[in-house]
């Protein structure tokens, strides 16, 4: 049991060291820029999905009109 607690404490200390000492956190400007890039790419992906949906919908309507 003591070995388990020792391992748990070592894991906790390594985690704290990794998060607060070794990690490099973005500045506010970098974070804002990255956020804008993500928002822009999500909007672009949304436009692509809408265009694909509209074109496939039109194709299905055309194909079903030929069958009728």
C-alpha atoms as a PDB file:
ATOM      1  CA  UNK A   1       0.000   0.000   0.000  1.00  0.00           C
ATOM      2  CA  UNK A   2       2.824   2.399   0.822  1.00  0.00           C
ATOM      3  CA  UNK A   3       4.452   1.713  -2.534  1.00  0.00           C
ATOM      4  CA  UNK A   4       1.169   2.561  -4.288  1.00  0.00           C
ATOM      5  CA  UNK A   5       0.915   5.862  -2.397  1.00  0.00           C
ATOM      6  CA  UNK A   6       4.544   6.636  -3.233  1.00  0.00           C
ATOM      7  CA  UNK A   7       3.877   5.988  -6.927  1.00  0.00           C
ATOM      8  CA  UNK A   8       0.726   8.101  -6.768  1.00  0.00           C
ATOM      9  CA  UNK A   9       2.660  10.974  -5.181  1.00  0.00           C
ATOM     10  CA  UNK A  10       5.388  10.691  -7.820  1.00  0.00           C
ATOM     11  CA  UNK A  11       2.784  10.787 -10.576  1.00  0.00           C
ATOM     12  CA  UNK A  12       1.167  13.859  -9.002  1.00  0.00           C
ATOM     13  CA  UNK A  13       4.520  15.662  -8.695  1.00  0.00           C
ATOM     14  CA  UNK A  14       5.466  14.814 -12.286  1.00  0.00           C
ATOM     15  CA  UNK A  15       2.089  16.051 -13.508  1.00  0.00           C
ATOM     16  CA  UNK A  16       2.434  19.356 -11.664  1.00  0.00           C
ATOM     17  CA  UNK A  17       5.984  19.753 -12.998  1.00  0.00           C
ATOM     18  CA  UNK A  18       4.814  19.056 -16.556  1.00  0.00           C
ATOM     19  CA  UNK A  19       1.868  21.473 -16.401  1.00  0.00           C
ATOM     20  CA  UNK A  20       3.417  24.388 -14.533  1.00  0.00           C
ATOM     21  CA  UNK A  21       7.150  24.204 -15.319  1.00  0.00           C
ATOM     22  CA  UNK A  22       7.732  22.454 -18.654  1.00  0.00           C
ATOM     23  CA  UNK A  23       4.629  23.514 -20.562  1.00  0.00           C
ATOM     24  CA  UNK A  24       4.684  26.712 -22.576  1.00  0.00           C
ATOM     25  CA  UNK A  25       1.362  28.527 -22.488  1.00  0.00           C
ATOM     26  CA  UNK A  26       0.277  30.848 -25.321  1.00  0.00           C
ATOM     27  CA  UNK A  27       0.142  34.579 -24.808  1.00  0.00           C
ATOM     28  CA  UNK A  28      -3.166  36.388 -25.029  1.00  0.00           C
ATOM     29  CA  UNK A  29      -2.388  37.564 -28.561  1.00  0.00           C
ATOM     30  CA  UNK A  30      -1.474  34.048 -29.717  1.00  0.00           C
ATOM     31  CA  UNK A  31      -4.611  32.642 -28.128  1.00  0.00           C
ATOM     32  CA  UNK A  32      -6.829  35.244 -29.804  1.00  0.00           C
ATOM     33  CA  UNK A  33      -5.202  34.555 -33.184  1.00  0.00           C
ATOM     34  CA  UNK A  34      -5.624  30.790 -32.822  1.00  0.00           C
ATOM     35  CA  UNK A  35      -9.258  31.272 -31.810  1.00  0.00           C
ATOM     36  CA  UNK A  36      -9.947  33.376 -34.894  1.00  0.00           C
ATOM     37  CA  UNK A  37      -8.291  30.772 -37.114  1.00  0.00           C
ATOM     38  CA  UNK A  38     -10.448  28.012 -35.616  1.00  0.00           C
ATOM     39  CA  UNK A  39     -13.636  30.064 -36.001  1.00  0.00           C
ATOM     40  CA  UNK A  40     -12.745  30.824 -39.617  1.00  0.00           C
ATOM     41  CA  UNK A  41     -12.022  27.192 -40.456  1.00  0.00           C
ATOM     42  CA  UNK A  42     -15.241  26.016 -38.797  1.00  0.00           C
ATOM     43  CA  UNK A  43     -17.202  28.597 -40.804  1.00  0.00           C
ATOM     44  CA  UNK A  44     -15.471  27.447 -44.010  1.00  0.00           C
ATOM     45  CA  UNK A  45     -16.248  23.810 -43.215  1.00  0.00           C
ATOM     46  CA  UNK A  46     -19.875  24.795 -42.596  1.00  0.00           C
ATOM     47  CA  UNK A  47     -20.088  26.465 -45.998  1.00  0.00           C
ATOM     48  CA  UNK A  48     -18.613  23.372 -47.670  1.00  0.00           C
ATOM     49  CA  UNK A  49     -21.133  21.116 -45.902  1.00  0.00           C
ATOM     50  CA  UNK A  50     -24.042  23.366 -46.913  1.00  0.00           C
ATOM     51  CA  UNK A  51     -22.890  23.426 -50.547  1.00  0.00           C
ATOM     52  CA  UNK A  52     -22.483  19.638 -50.613  1.00  0.00           C
ATOM     53  CA  UNK A  53     -25.903  19.196 -49.024  1.00  0.00           C
ATOM     54  CA  UNK A  54     -27.592  21.494 -51.525  1.00  0.00           C
ATOM     55  CA  UNK A  55     -25.890  19.911 -54.522  1.00  0.00           C
ATOM     56  CA  UNK A  56     -26.660  16.358 -53.403  1.00  0.00           C
ATOM     57  CA  UNK A  57     -30.244  17.331 -52.617  1.00  0.00           C
ATOM     58  CA  UNK A  58     -30.633  18.744 -56.121  1.00  0.00           C
ATOM     59  CA  UNK A  59     -29.074  15.620 -57.611  1.00  0.00           C
ATOM     60  CA  UNK A  60     -31.472  13.353 -55.696  1.00  0.00           C
ATOM     61  CA  UNK A  61     -34.456  15.459 -56.721  1.00  0.00           C
ATOM     62  CA  UNK A  62     -33.361  15.316 -60.357  1.00  0.00           C
ATOM     63  CA  UNK A  63     -32.836  11.546 -60.215  1.00  0.00           C
ATOM     64  CA  UNK A  64     -36.223  10.931 -58.606  1.00  0.00           C
ATOM     65  CA  UNK A  65     -37.929  13.165 -61.164  1.00  0.00           C
ATOM     66  CA  UNK A  66     -36.501  10.945 -63.940  1.00  0.00           C
ATOM     67  CA  UNK A  67     -37.924   7.835 -62.286  1.00  0.00           C
ATOM     68  CA  UNK A  68     -41.432   9.189 -61.803  1.00  0.00           C
END
